[in-house]
N, C-alpha and C. Protein backbone atom coordinates (compact mmCIF):
# COMPACT_ATOMS: atom_id res chain seq x y z
N MET A 1 -13.65 -40.85 40.05
CA MET A 1 -15.09 -40.78 40.13
C MET A 1 -15.55 -39.33 39.97
N GLU A 2 -16.70 -39.21 39.44
CA GLU A 2 -17.29 -37.89 39.22
C GLU A 2 -17.98 -37.43 40.51
N THR A 3 -17.64 -36.24 40.90
CA THR A 3 -18.27 -35.70 42.11
C THR A 3 -19.55 -34.98 41.73
N GLN A 4 -20.32 -34.62 42.72
CA GLN A 4 -21.57 -33.89 42.51
C GLN A 4 -21.28 -32.52 41.90
N ASN A 5 -20.17 -31.91 42.31
CA ASN A 5 -19.78 -30.60 41.79
C ASN A 5 -19.50 -30.69 40.29
N ASP A 6 -18.80 -31.77 39.87
CA ASP A 6 -18.54 -31.98 38.45
C ASP A 6 -19.84 -32.19 37.68
N HIS A 7 -20.73 -32.94 38.25
CA HIS A 7 -22.02 -33.22 37.61
C HIS A 7 -22.82 -31.92 37.45
N ASP A 8 -22.84 -31.10 38.49
CA ASP A 8 -23.55 -29.82 38.41
C ASP A 8 -22.93 -28.93 37.34
N ARG A 9 -21.61 -28.94 37.25
CA ARG A 9 -20.92 -28.11 36.25
C ARG A 9 -21.25 -28.60 34.83
N ILE A 10 -21.31 -29.89 34.64
CA ILE A 10 -21.67 -30.46 33.33
C ILE A 10 -23.08 -30.05 32.95
N ILE A 11 -24.01 -30.12 33.90
CA ILE A 11 -25.39 -29.71 33.63
C ILE A 11 -25.44 -28.23 33.28
N GLU A 12 -24.68 -27.40 34.00
CA GLU A 12 -24.63 -25.97 33.71
C GLU A 12 -24.08 -25.70 32.31
N ILE A 13 -23.04 -26.40 31.93
CA ILE A 13 -22.44 -26.24 30.60
C ILE A 13 -23.44 -26.66 29.52
N GLU A 14 -24.16 -27.74 29.74
CA GLU A 14 -25.18 -28.18 28.78
C GLU A 14 -26.27 -27.13 28.63
N LYS A 15 -26.68 -26.51 29.73
CA LYS A 15 -27.69 -25.45 29.65
C LYS A 15 -27.16 -24.25 28.86
N GLU A 16 -25.92 -23.88 29.13
CA GLU A 16 -25.31 -22.75 28.42
C GLU A 16 -25.18 -23.05 26.93
N MET A 17 -24.80 -24.28 26.60
CA MET A 17 -24.68 -24.66 25.19
C MET A 17 -26.04 -24.63 24.49
N HIS A 18 -27.05 -25.08 25.18
CA HIS A 18 -28.40 -25.06 24.60
C HIS A 18 -28.84 -23.62 24.35
N ALA A 19 -28.62 -22.74 25.32
CA ALA A 19 -28.97 -21.33 25.14
C ALA A 19 -28.17 -20.72 23.99
N HIS A 20 -26.90 -21.08 23.90
CA HIS A 20 -26.04 -20.58 22.83
C HIS A 20 -26.55 -21.04 21.46
N GLU A 21 -26.93 -22.30 21.35
CA GLU A 21 -27.46 -22.83 20.09
C GLU A 21 -28.73 -22.09 19.67
N ILE A 22 -29.60 -21.80 20.62
CA ILE A 22 -30.84 -21.08 20.31
C ILE A 22 -30.52 -19.67 19.81
N GLN A 23 -29.58 -18.99 20.48
CA GLN A 23 -29.19 -17.64 20.06
C GLN A 23 -28.56 -17.65 18.68
N CYS A 24 -27.69 -18.61 18.43
CA CYS A 24 -27.04 -18.70 17.11
C CYS A 24 -28.05 -18.98 16.01
N GLU A 25 -29.01 -19.84 16.29
CA GLU A 25 -30.04 -20.14 15.29
C GLU A 25 -30.83 -18.89 14.94
N GLU A 26 -31.19 -18.11 15.95
CA GLU A 26 -31.94 -16.88 15.71
C GLU A 26 -31.09 -15.87 14.94
N ARG A 27 -29.82 -15.78 15.27
CA ARG A 27 -28.93 -14.86 14.55
C ARG A 27 -28.79 -15.27 13.09
N TRP A 28 -28.69 -16.57 12.82
CA TRP A 28 -28.59 -17.03 11.44
C TRP A 28 -29.86 -16.70 10.66
N LYS A 29 -31.02 -16.88 11.30
CA LYS A 29 -32.27 -16.53 10.63
C LYS A 29 -32.28 -15.05 10.27
N THR A 30 -31.87 -14.22 11.22
CA THR A 30 -31.82 -12.77 10.97
C THR A 30 -30.85 -12.45 9.85
N THR A 31 -29.69 -13.10 9.87
CA THR A 31 -28.68 -12.87 8.84
C THR A 31 -29.20 -13.26 7.47
N PHE A 32 -29.84 -14.42 7.36
CA PHE A 32 -30.36 -14.85 6.07
C PHE A 32 -31.47 -13.92 5.57
N ASN A 33 -32.31 -13.45 6.48
CA ASN A 33 -33.35 -12.50 6.08
C ASN A 33 -32.73 -11.21 5.56
N ARG A 34 -31.70 -10.73 6.24
CA ARG A 34 -31.04 -9.51 5.78
C ARG A 34 -30.36 -9.73 4.44
N LEU A 35 -29.76 -10.90 4.25
CA LEU A 35 -29.12 -11.20 2.96
C LEU A 35 -30.14 -11.25 1.84
N GLU A 36 -31.32 -11.78 2.11
CA GLU A 36 -32.37 -11.81 1.10
C GLU A 36 -32.80 -10.38 0.74
N ASP A 37 -32.92 -9.52 1.75
CA ASP A 37 -33.27 -8.13 1.49
C ASP A 37 -32.20 -7.44 0.66
N ILE A 38 -30.94 -7.70 0.97
CA ILE A 38 -29.84 -7.12 0.21
C ILE A 38 -29.87 -7.61 -1.23
N ASP A 39 -30.17 -8.88 -1.41
CA ASP A 39 -30.24 -9.45 -2.76
C ASP A 39 -31.34 -8.79 -3.58
N VAL A 40 -32.49 -8.57 -2.97
CA VAL A 40 -33.61 -7.90 -3.65
C VAL A 40 -33.20 -6.49 -4.05
N ASN A 41 -32.57 -5.77 -3.11
CA ASN A 41 -32.15 -4.40 -3.40
C ASN A 41 -31.09 -4.35 -4.51
N LEU A 42 -30.18 -5.30 -4.51
CA LEU A 42 -29.16 -5.34 -5.57
C LEU A 42 -29.78 -5.61 -6.93
N ARG A 43 -30.77 -6.49 -6.98
CA ARG A 43 -31.45 -6.75 -8.25
C ARG A 43 -32.18 -5.51 -8.75
N ARG A 44 -32.80 -4.77 -7.83
CA ARG A 44 -33.50 -3.54 -8.20
C ARG A 44 -32.50 -2.51 -8.74
N ILE A 45 -31.37 -2.36 -8.07
CA ILE A 45 -30.35 -1.42 -8.52
C ILE A 45 -29.80 -1.84 -9.87
N GLU A 46 -29.56 -3.15 -10.03
CA GLU A 46 -29.03 -3.65 -11.31
C GLU A 46 -30.00 -3.35 -12.45
N SER A 47 -31.30 -3.55 -12.22
CA SER A 47 -32.26 -3.30 -13.28
C SER A 47 -32.31 -1.81 -13.62
N LYS A 48 -32.19 -0.94 -12.62
CA LYS A 48 -32.17 0.49 -12.90
C LYS A 48 -30.93 0.88 -13.70
N ILE A 49 -29.80 0.28 -13.38
CA ILE A 49 -28.56 0.57 -14.13
C ILE A 49 -28.70 0.11 -15.57
N MET A 50 -29.30 -1.06 -15.77
CA MET A 50 -29.48 -1.58 -17.13
C MET A 50 -30.40 -0.67 -17.95
N VAL A 51 -31.47 -0.20 -17.35
CA VAL A 51 -32.38 0.71 -18.04
C VAL A 51 -31.65 2.01 -18.37
N GLY A 52 -30.90 2.54 -17.42
CA GLY A 52 -30.15 3.77 -17.65
C GLY A 52 -29.10 3.60 -18.74
N ALA A 53 -28.38 2.48 -18.72
CA ALA A 53 -27.36 2.23 -19.73
C ALA A 53 -28.01 2.07 -21.11
N GLY A 54 -29.13 1.36 -21.18
CA GLY A 54 -29.83 1.20 -22.45
C GLY A 54 -30.31 2.53 -23.00
N SER A 55 -30.84 3.36 -22.11
CA SER A 55 -31.29 4.69 -22.53
C SER A 55 -30.14 5.53 -23.04
N LEU A 56 -29.02 5.47 -22.35
CA LEU A 56 -27.84 6.23 -22.77
C LEU A 56 -27.33 5.76 -24.13
N ILE A 57 -27.31 4.46 -24.35
CA ILE A 57 -26.86 3.92 -25.64
C ILE A 57 -27.80 4.38 -26.75
N LEU A 58 -29.11 4.30 -26.52
CA LEU A 58 -30.06 4.75 -27.53
C LEU A 58 -29.92 6.26 -27.80
N PHE A 59 -29.73 7.05 -26.75
CA PHE A 59 -29.55 8.48 -26.93
C PHE A 59 -28.29 8.77 -27.75
N LEU A 60 -27.18 8.12 -27.40
CA LEU A 60 -25.94 8.37 -28.14
C LEU A 60 -26.05 7.88 -29.58
N ALA A 61 -26.74 6.76 -29.80
CA ALA A 61 -26.95 6.28 -31.16
C ALA A 61 -27.77 7.30 -31.96
N GLY A 62 -28.77 7.89 -31.33
CA GLY A 62 -29.57 8.92 -31.99
C GLY A 62 -28.74 10.15 -32.33
N VAL A 63 -27.85 10.54 -31.42
CA VAL A 63 -26.97 11.68 -31.69
C VAL A 63 -26.06 11.39 -32.86
N ILE A 64 -25.51 10.20 -32.90
CA ILE A 64 -24.61 9.82 -34.00
C ILE A 64 -25.37 9.81 -35.33
N VAL A 65 -26.55 9.22 -35.33
CA VAL A 65 -27.35 9.18 -36.56
C VAL A 65 -27.68 10.61 -37.01
N THR A 66 -28.05 11.46 -36.06
CA THR A 66 -28.37 12.85 -36.40
C THR A 66 -27.16 13.56 -36.98
N LEU A 67 -26.00 13.38 -36.40
CA LEU A 67 -24.78 14.01 -36.89
C LEU A 67 -24.41 13.49 -38.29
N LEU A 68 -24.60 12.20 -38.50
CA LEU A 68 -24.26 11.61 -39.81
C LEU A 68 -25.22 12.08 -40.89
N THR A 69 -26.50 12.18 -40.57
CA THR A 69 -27.48 12.60 -41.60
C THR A 69 -27.40 14.09 -41.89
N ARG A 70 -27.03 14.90 -40.96
CA ARG A 70 -26.88 16.34 -41.20
C ARG A 70 -25.59 16.63 -41.97
N GLY A 71 -24.62 15.76 -41.77
CA GLY A 71 -23.34 15.96 -42.43
C GLY A 71 -23.39 15.61 -43.91
N LEU A 72 -24.37 14.84 -44.32
CA LEU A 72 -24.45 14.41 -45.73
C LEU A 72 -25.12 15.40 -46.59
């Protein structure tokens, strides 16, 4: 048979589990928000790299064209 002490302990464990679930839910929300921020920042960095790489390619193509036309 279940004693009153066991019943009290079960109620205490249920309270602790409920508090734990609430904390975990809040932590997951925070984690997902931070991941979204990281994703936005990565996209911004990626676009800057693409612009820089495109500019570098165009610059080098211009240098090559200049060298070829002066050499002729």
